[in-house]
C-alpha atoms as a PDB file:
ATOM      1  CA  MET A   1      23.968  15.172  -0.646  1.00  0.00           C
ATOM      2  CA  SER A   2      21.541  12.347  -0.140  1.00  0.00           C
ATOM      3  CA  LEU A   3      19.062  12.835   2.880  1.00  0.00           C
ATOM      4  CA  LEU A   4      20.683   9.668   4.130  1.00  0.00           C
ATOM      5  CA  GLU A   5      24.787   8.657   3.766  1.00  0.00           C
ATOM      6  CA  VAL A   6      26.480   5.239   4.735  1.00  0.00           C
ATOM      7  CA  GLU A   7      29.843   5.490   3.450  1.00  0.00           C
ATOM      8  CA  ASP A   8      32.267   2.175   4.240  1.00  0.00           C
ATOM      9  CA  VAL A   9      30.610   1.449   7.741  1.00  0.00           C
ATOM     10  CA  GLN A  10      32.070  -1.891   9.175  1.00  0.00           C
ATOM     11  CA  THR A  11      30.129  -3.108  11.847  1.00  0.00           C
ATOM     12  CA  TYR A  12      30.679  -5.835  14.526  1.00  0.00           C
ATOM     13  CA  TYR A  13      28.638  -8.186  17.177  1.00  0.00           C
ATOM     14  CA  GLY A  14      31.550  -8.690  19.844  1.00  0.00           C
ATOM     15  CA  GLU A  15      34.521  -9.569  17.769  1.00  0.00           C
ATOM     16  CA  SER A  16      32.221 -10.763  14.914  1.00  0.00           C
ATOM     17  CA  HIS A  17      32.912  -9.201  11.879  1.00  0.00           C
ATOM     18  CA  ILE A  18      28.969  -8.514   9.939  1.00  0.00           C
ATOM     19  CA  LEU A  19      28.501  -5.328   7.864  1.00  0.00           C
ATOM     20  CA  GLU A  20      32.611  -4.611   5.766  1.00  0.00           C
ATOM     21  CA  GLY A  21      31.909  -2.213   3.970  1.00  0.00           C
ATOM     22  CA  VAL A  22      28.639  -1.072   3.321  1.00  0.00           C
ATOM     23  CA  SER A  23      28.049   1.641   1.606  1.00  0.00           C
ATOM     24  CA  LEU A  24      24.778   3.575   0.579  1.00  0.00           C
ATOM     25  CA  SER A  25      22.452   7.102   0.394  1.00  0.00           C
ATOM     26  CA  VAL A  26      18.496   7.883   0.209  1.00  0.00           C
ATOM     27  CA  ASP A  27      17.165  10.606  -1.444  1.00  0.00           C
ATOM     28  CA  ASP A  28      14.628  12.841  -0.414  1.00  0.00           C
ATOM     29  CA  GLY A  29      11.874  11.602  -1.942  1.00  0.00           C
ATOM     30  CA  GLU A  30      13.008   8.300  -2.465  1.00  0.00           C
ATOM     31  CA  VAL A  31      12.041   4.329  -1.257  1.00  0.00           C
ATOM     32  CA  VAL A  32      14.898   2.531  -1.182  1.00  0.00           C
ATOM     33  CA  ALA A  33      14.813  -1.309  -0.853  1.00  0.00           C
ATOM     34  CA  LEU A  34      17.316  -3.258   0.502  1.00  0.00           C
ATOM     35  CA  LEU A  35      18.024  -7.638  -0.194  1.00  0.00           C
ATOM     36  CA  GLY A  36      19.139 -10.224   0.598  1.00  0.00           C
ATOM     37  CA  ARG A  37      19.073 -13.410   2.274  1.00  0.00           C
ATOM     38  CA  ASN A  38      18.521 -13.317   5.978  1.00  0.00           C
ATOM     39  CA  GLY A  39      21.455 -13.269   7.598  1.00  0.00           C
ATOM     40  CA  VAL A  40      23.529 -11.539   5.232  1.00  0.00           C
ATOM     41  CA  GLY A  41      23.484  -8.029   7.853  1.00  0.00           C
ATOM     42  CA  LYS A  42      20.095  -6.401   6.126  1.00  0.00           C
ATOM     43  CA  THR A  43      18.522  -5.436   9.974  1.00  0.00           C
ATOM     44  CA  THR A  44      22.085  -4.872  11.241  1.00  0.00           C
ATOM     45  CA  THR A  45      22.629  -2.464   8.576  1.00  0.00           C
ATOM     46  CA  MET A  46      19.535  -0.579  10.201  1.00  0.00           C
ATOM     47  CA  ARG A  47      20.408  -0.567  13.867  1.00  0.00           C
ATOM     48  CA  THR A  48      24.094   1.148  12.373  1.00  0.00           C
ATOM     49  CA  ILE A  49      22.496   3.643  10.737  1.00  0.00           C
ATOM     50  CA  LEU A  50      20.042   4.319  14.212  1.00  0.00           C
ATOM     51  CA  GLN A  51      23.678   4.008  16.671  1.00  0.00           C
ATOM     52  CA  LEU A  52      21.960   0.975  17.967  1.00  0.00           C
ATOM     53  CA  THR A  53      24.867  -0.804  17.060  1.00  0.00           C
ATOM     54  CA  PRO A  54      26.972   2.023  16.144  1.00  0.00           C
ATOM     55  CA  PRO A  55      30.374   0.958  13.445  1.00  0.00           C
ATOM     56  CA  ARG A  56      33.695   0.367  14.318  1.00  0.00           C
ATOM     57  CA  GLU A  57      34.791   2.333  11.256  1.00  0.00           C
ATOM     58  CA  GLY A  58      32.851   4.491   9.036  1.00  0.00           C
ATOM     59  CA  SER A  59      30.063   7.258   8.416  1.00  0.00           C
ATOM     60  CA  VAL A  60      26.396   7.805   9.022  1.00  0.00           C
ATOM     61  CA  ARG A  61      25.553  11.105   7.421  1.00  0.00           C
ATOM     62  CA  PHE A  62      21.525  11.940   7.292  1.00  0.00           C
ATOM     63  CA  LYS A  63      20.828  15.841   6.459  1.00  0.00           C
ATOM     64  CA  GLY A  64      24.377  16.093   6.211  1.00  0.00           C
ATOM     65  CA  GLU A  65      25.386  15.563  10.054  1.00  0.00           C
ATOM     66  CA  GLU A  66      27.365  12.679  11.118  1.00  0.00           C
ATOM     67  CA  LEU A  67      25.024  10.211  13.145  1.00  0.00           C
ATOM     68  CA  VAL A  68      28.015   7.925  14.112  1.00  0.00           C
ATOM     69  CA  GLY A  69      28.765   8.775  17.920  1.00  0.00           C
ATOM     70  CA  LYS A  70      25.840  10.235  19.137  1.00  0.00           C
ATOM     71  CA  ARG A  71      22.971   8.587  21.240  1.00  0.00           C
ATOM     72  CA  THR A  72      19.788   6.490  19.319  1.00  0.00           C
ATOM     73  CA  ASN A  73      17.850   8.818  21.166  1.00  0.00           C
ATOM     74  CA  GLU A  74      19.896  12.013  19.240  1.00  0.00           C
ATOM     75  CA  VAL A  75      19.101   9.967  15.989  1.00  0.00           C
ATOM     76  CA  ALA A  76      15.759  10.064  16.145  1.00  0.00           C
ATOM     77  CA  ASP A  77      15.397  14.045  17.321  1.00  0.00           C
ATOM     78  CA  LEU A  78      16.786  14.293  13.501  1.00  0.00           C
ATOM     79  CA  GLY A  79      14.122  12.990  12.805  1.00  0.00           C
ATOM     80  CA  LEU A  80      15.035   9.398  11.271  1.00  0.00           C
ATOM     81  CA  GLY A  81      11.450   6.872  12.867  1.00  0.00           C
ATOM     82  CA  TRP A  82      12.088   2.951  12.368  1.00  0.00           C
ATOM     83  CA  ILE A  83       9.703   0.212  11.399  1.00  0.00           C
ATOM     84  CA  PRO A  84      10.822  -2.533  13.497  1.00  0.00           C
ATOM     85  CA  GLU A  85      10.268  -6.176  12.493  1.00  0.00           C
ATOM     86  CA  ASP A  86       8.431  -7.256  15.676  1.00  0.00           C
ATOM     87  CA  ARG A  87       7.191  -3.725  15.544  1.00  0.00           C
ATOM     88  CA  ARG A  88       6.473  -2.563  18.844  1.00  0.00           C
ATOM     89  CA  ILE A  89       2.668  -1.185  19.253  1.00  0.00           C
ATOM     90  CA  PHE A  90       1.677  -1.385  23.221  1.00  0.00           C
ATOM     91  CA  SER A  91      -0.168  -4.120  23.301  1.00  0.00           C
ATOM     92  CA  ALA A  92      -2.574  -3.154  26.231  1.00  0.00           C
ATOM     93  CA  LEU A  93      -3.297   0.049  25.164  1.00  0.00           C
ATOM     94  CA  THR A  94      -5.340   1.199  22.539  1.00  0.00           C
ATOM     95  CA  VAL A  95      -4.822   2.679  19.056  1.00  0.00           C
ATOM     96  CA  GLU A  96      -5.621   5.650  18.957  1.00  0.00           C
ATOM     97  CA  GLU A  97      -3.615   5.771  22.715  1.00  0.00           C
ATOM     98  CA  ASN A  98      -0.666   4.031  20.837  1.00  0.00           C
ATOM     99  CA  ILE A  99      -1.116   6.940  18.043  1.00  0.00           C
ATOM    100  CA  ARG A 100      -1.225   9.820  21.089  1.00  0.00           C
ATOM    101  CA  ALA A 101       2.122   8.255  22.597  1.00  0.00           C
ATOM    102  CA  ALA A 102       3.724   8.642  18.791  1.00  0.00           C
ATOM    103  CA  VAL A 103       3.398  12.666  18.266  1.00  0.00           C
ATOM    104  CA  PRO A 104       6.124  14.960  20.235  1.00  0.00           C
ATOM    105  CA  SER A 105       4.069  17.504  21.128  1.00  0.00           C
ATOM    106  CA  GLU A 106       0.767  17.657  22.924  1.00  0.00           C
ATOM    107  CA  ASP A 107      -0.222  20.679  19.748  1.00  0.00           C
ATOM    108  CA  GLY A 108      -0.160  18.062  16.989  1.00  0.00           C
ATOM    109  CA  ILE A 109      -2.188  15.409  18.390  1.00  0.00           C
ATOM    110  CA  GLN A 110      -5.556  15.752  16.230  1.00  0.00           C
ATOM    111  CA  ASP A 111      -3.471  16.289  13.156  1.00  0.00           C
ATOM    112  CA  ALA A 112      -1.565  13.100  13.768  1.00  0.00           C
ATOM    113  CA  LEU A 113      -4.479  10.846  14.832  1.00  0.00           C
ATOM    114  CA  ASP A 114      -6.344  13.191  11.582  1.00  0.00           C
ATOM    115  CA  LEU A 115      -3.629  11.776   9.235  1.00  0.00           C
ATOM    116  CA  SER A 116      -3.414   7.858  11.014  1.00  0.00           C
ATOM    117  CA  TYR A 117      -7.289   7.471  10.428  1.00  0.00           C
ATOM    118  CA  GLU A 118      -7.185   8.766   6.263  1.00  0.00           C
ATOM    119  CA  THR A 119      -3.675   6.753   5.818  1.00  0.00           C
ATOM    120  CA  PHE A 120      -5.682   3.615   6.864  1.00  0.00           C
ATOM    121  CA  PRO A 121      -9.337   3.871   7.869  1.00  0.00           C
ATOM    122  CA  ILE A 122      -9.561   0.801   9.789  1.00  0.00           C
ATOM    123  CA  LEU A 123      -7.606   2.042  12.590  1.00  0.00           C
ATOM    124  CA  GLU A 124     -10.219   4.184  12.820  1.00  0.00           C
ATOM    125  CA  GLU A 125     -12.587   1.899  13.045  1.00  0.00           C
ATOM    126  CA  ARG A 126     -10.625   0.358  16.120  1.00  0.00           C
ATOM    127  CA  SER A 127      -9.182   3.505  17.540  1.00  0.00           C
ATOM    128  CA  THR A 128     -11.300   2.223  21.031  1.00  0.00           C
ATOM    129  CA  GLN A 129      -9.785  -1.485  20.508  1.00  0.00           C
ATOM    130  CA  ASP A 130      -6.909  -2.997  22.633  1.00  0.00           C
ATOM    131  CA  ALA A 131      -3.835  -2.955  19.841  1.00  0.00           C
ATOM    132  CA  GLY A 132      -2.895  -6.251  20.838  1.00  0.00           C
ATOM    133  CA  THR A 133      -6.304  -7.912  19.762  1.00  0.00           C
ATOM    134  CA  LEU A 134      -5.620  -6.545  16.364  1.00  0.00           C
ATOM    135  CA  SER A 135      -5.375  -8.899  13.058  1.00  0.00           C
ATOM    136  CA  GLY A 136      -1.206  -9.047  12.358  1.00  0.00           C
ATOM    137  CA  GLY A 137      -2.235  -6.882   9.326  1.00  0.00           C
ATOM    138  CA  GLN A 138      -3.537  -3.759  11.747  1.00  0.00           C
ATOM    139  CA  GLN A 139      -0.931  -3.806  13.727  1.00  0.00           C
ATOM    140  CA  GLN A 140       1.585  -3.759  11.204  1.00  0.00           C
ATOM    141  CA  MET A 141      -0.750   0.041  10.098  1.00  0.00           C
ATOM    142  CA  LEU A 142      -0.211   0.752  13.471  1.00  0.00           C
ATOM    143  CA  ALA A 143       3.168   0.335  13.721  1.00  0.00           C
ATOM    144  CA  ILE A 144       3.186   2.524   9.908  1.00  0.00           C
ATOM    145  CA  ALA A 145       0.623   5.337  10.918  1.00  0.00           C
ATOM    146  CA  ARG A 146       2.823   5.878  14.918  1.00  0.00           C
ATOM    147  CA  GLY A 147       6.421   6.294  12.478  1.00  0.00           C
ATOM    148  CA  LEU A 148       4.301   8.312  10.432  1.00  0.00           C
ATOM    149  CA  VAL A 149       2.885  11.083  12.716  1.00  0.00           C
ATOM    150  CA  GLY A 150       6.265  10.843  14.960  1.00  0.00           C
ATOM    151  CA  ASP A 151       7.525  13.658  12.964  1.00  0.00           C
ATOM    152  CA  ASN A 152      10.076  12.317  10.892  1.00  0.00           C
ATOM    153  CA  GLU A 153      11.870  12.850   8.623  1.00  0.00           C
ATOM    154  CA  MET A 154      13.028   9.365   6.697  1.00  0.00           C
ATOM    155  CA  LEU A 155      11.256   5.811   8.243  1.00  0.00           C
ATOM    156  CA  LEU A 156      13.777   2.595   8.116  1.00  0.00           C
ATOM    157  CA  VAL A 157      10.849  -0.358   7.119  1.00  0.00           C
ATOM    158  CA  ASP A 158      12.623  -3.574   8.297  1.00  0.00           C
ATOM    159  CA  GLU A 159      10.058  -6.502   7.034  1.00  0.00           C
ATOM    160  CA  PRO A 160       6.230  -4.842   6.761  1.00  0.00           C
ATOM    161  CA  SER A 161       4.978  -7.896   5.630  1.00  0.00           C
ATOM    162  CA  GLU A 162       6.995 -10.884   7.561  1.00  0.00           C
ATOM    163  CA  GLY A 163       4.138 -13.459   8.999  1.00  0.00           C
ATOM    164  CA  LEU A 164       1.572 -11.641   6.832  1.00  0.00           C
ATOM    165  CA  ALA A 165      -0.993 -13.408   4.649  1.00  0.00           C
ATOM    166  CA  PRO A 166      -1.081 -12.455   1.315  1.00  0.00           C
ATOM    167  CA  GLN A 167      -4.289 -10.152   0.972  1.00  0.00           C
ATOM    168  CA  ILE A 168      -2.955  -8.621   3.954  1.00  0.00           C
ATOM    169  CA  VAL A 169       0.418  -8.296   2.634  1.00  0.00           C
ATOM    170  CA  GLN A 170      -1.281  -6.465  -0.101  1.00  0.00           C
ATOM    171  CA  ASP A 171      -3.092  -4.159   1.946  1.00  0.00           C
ATOM    172  CA  VAL A 172       0.172  -2.905   3.755  1.00  0.00           C
ATOM    173  CA  GLY A 173       2.251  -2.638   0.853  1.00  0.00           C
ATOM    174  CA  GLU A 174      -0.895   0.056  -0.386  1.00  0.00           C
ATOM    175  CA  ALA A 175      -0.924   1.268   2.738  1.00  0.00           C
ATOM    176  CA  LEU A 176       3.473   1.754   2.792  1.00  0.00           C
ATOM    177  CA  ASP A 177       3.192   2.774  -0.098  1.00  0.00           C
ATOM    178  CA  THR A 178       0.964   6.101   0.816  1.00  0.00           C
ATOM    179  CA  VAL A 179       3.035   6.598   3.421  1.00  0.00           C
ATOM    180  CA  SER A 180       6.185   6.726   1.203  1.00  0.00           C
ATOM    181  CA  GLU A 181       4.518   9.981  -0.958  1.00  0.00           C
ATOM    182  CA  GLN A 182       4.578  12.176   2.381  1.00  0.00           C
ATOM    183  CA  VAL A 183       8.163  10.177   3.626  1.00  0.00           C
ATOM    184  CA  PRO A 184      11.260   8.258   2.517  1.00  0.00           C
ATOM    185  CA  MET A 185      11.934   5.514   3.420  1.00  0.00           C
ATOM    186  CA  LEU A 186      15.211   2.420   3.335  1.00  0.00           C
ATOM    187  CA  LEU A 187      12.696  -0.651   2.885  1.00  0.00           C
ATOM    188  CA  VAL A 188      14.285  -4.483   4.326  1.00  0.00           C
ATOM    189  CA  GLU A 189      12.212  -7.065   2.869  1.00  0.00           C
ATOM    190  CA  GLN A 190      11.787 -10.524   2.260  1.00  0.00           C
ATOM    191  CA  ASN A 191       8.960 -10.469  -0.467  1.00  0.00           C
ATOM    192  CA  LEU A 192      11.270  -9.471  -3.885  1.00  0.00           C
ATOM    193  CA  GLY A 193       7.478  -7.684  -5.313  1.00  0.00           C
ATOM    194  CA  LEU A 194       6.454  -6.405  -2.944  1.00  0.00           C
ATOM    195  CA  ALA A 195       9.979  -4.410  -2.822  1.00  0.00           C
ATOM    196  CA  LEU A 196      10.387  -3.522  -6.188  1.00  0.00           C
ATOM    197  CA  ASP A 197       6.985  -2.626  -6.245  1.00  0.00           C
ATOM    198  CA  LEU A 198       7.646  -0.078  -3.956  1.00  0.00           C
ATOM    199  CA  ALA A 199      11.156   1.230  -3.820  1.00  0.00           C
ATOM    200  CA  ASP A 200      12.790   3.564  -6.545  1.00  0.00           C
ATOM    201  CA  ARG A 201      16.552   1.919  -6.160  1.00  0.00           C
ATOM    202  CA  PHE A 202      17.614  -1.100  -4.950  1.00  0.00           C
ATOM    203  CA  TYR A 203      20.325  -2.363  -2.356  1.00  0.00           C
ATOM    204  CA  VAL A 204      21.513  -5.842  -2.663  1.00  0.00           C
ATOM    205  CA  ILE A 205      23.771  -7.306   0.656  1.00  0.00           C
ATOM    206  CA  ASP A 206      25.122 -10.493   1.032  1.00  0.00           C
ATOM    207  CA  HIS A 207      28.248 -11.816   3.622  1.00  0.00           C
ATOM    208  CA  GLY A 208      27.511  -8.198   5.135  1.00  0.00           C
ATOM    209  CA  GLN A 209      28.537  -6.330   1.611  1.00  0.00           C
ATOM    210  CA  VAL A 210      26.724  -4.510  -1.130  1.00  0.00           C
ATOM    211  CA  VAL A 211      27.050  -6.303  -4.381  1.00  0.00           C
ATOM    212  CA  ASP A 212      24.795  -5.104  -6.888  1.00  0.00           C
ATOM    213  CA  GLY A 213      22.278  -2.220  -6.624  1.00  0.00           C
ATOM    214  CA  GLY A 214      20.667   0.282  -9.333  1.00  0.00           C
ATOM    215  CA  SER A 215      17.004   1.290 -11.047  1.00  0.00           C
ATOM    216  CA  VAL A 216      14.268  -0.953 -10.179  1.00  0.00           C
ATOM    217  CA  ASP A 217      13.458   0.125 -14.001  1.00  0.00           C
ATOM    218  CA  GLU A 218      16.490  -2.617 -13.967  1.00  0.00           C
ATOM    219  CA  VAL A 219      15.626  -5.721 -12.327  1.00  0.00           C
ATOM    220  CA  SER A 220      11.790  -7.893 -11.955  1.00  0.00           C
ATOM    221  CA  ALA A 221      11.152 -10.556  -9.489  1.00  0.00           C
ATOM    222  CA  GLU A 222      12.380 -13.734 -11.898  1.00  0.00           C
ATOM    223  CA  SER A 223      15.927 -11.745 -11.991  1.00  0.00           C
ATOM    224  CA  GLU A 224      18.532 -14.141 -11.921  1.00  0.00           C
ATOM    225  CA  ARG A 225      20.064 -11.125 -11.342  1.00  0.00           C
ATOM    226  CA  LEU A 226      19.021 -10.747  -8.022  1.00  0.00           C
ATOM    227  CA  ARG A 227      17.700 -14.458  -7.446  1.00  0.00           C
ATOM    228  CA  GLU A 228      21.068 -16.003  -7.190  1.00  0.00           C
ATOM    229  CA  TYR A 229      21.490 -13.529  -3.674  1.00  0.00           C
ATOM    230  CA  LEU A 230      18.081 -14.160  -3.007  1.00  0.00           C
ATOM    231  CA  SER A 231      17.485 -17.537  -2.620  1.00  0.00           C
ATOM    232  CA  ALA A 232      18.514 -20.426   0.034  1.00  0.00           C
END
């Protein structure tokens, strides 16, 4: 049994049919990349898993438990964390306060801070700085740290390199690689090279359907097999 199992989900926004029978899985210890052009259903897949946009049909199971019909906070309580594209840090709080806010128990705060600063040393240097004044890459690291310390057994990570300079993308990629040693991930990422470097397996979505998938060892960033679905 996989850690996360999505089976034949049909998801709509109003009358618009967005996901048309999407199925995928993530095993414990894996990073799985979800690839595709903008607007084909990748973020909707994550929202469906989290029950922010529940499917009208199909099944989503986490650790064998059905998520469809649960509230999003109940899904989060099961250990499924989300790092959205827009990061959603608390800009007016310091770095340390942001991390503290993500920790479920007061008893675990020091361990959470130690883990965050060990994973991202720059955050310790900026611990008393307001999060809204960090660079884009540092804000992304803070968002990842918040997901890591939130007592999550799996992370859904949406477009972590979006809008970042190439050097910062490399830093964020290295950070995610470190985090992936501790928690499995479902990763949406437009930077194909970064996605394939981080992932063990991939799925490609096109027009709301999974059209390809397999081991990252089977493909490269130059593969025509992928490029036909990723080019504008």
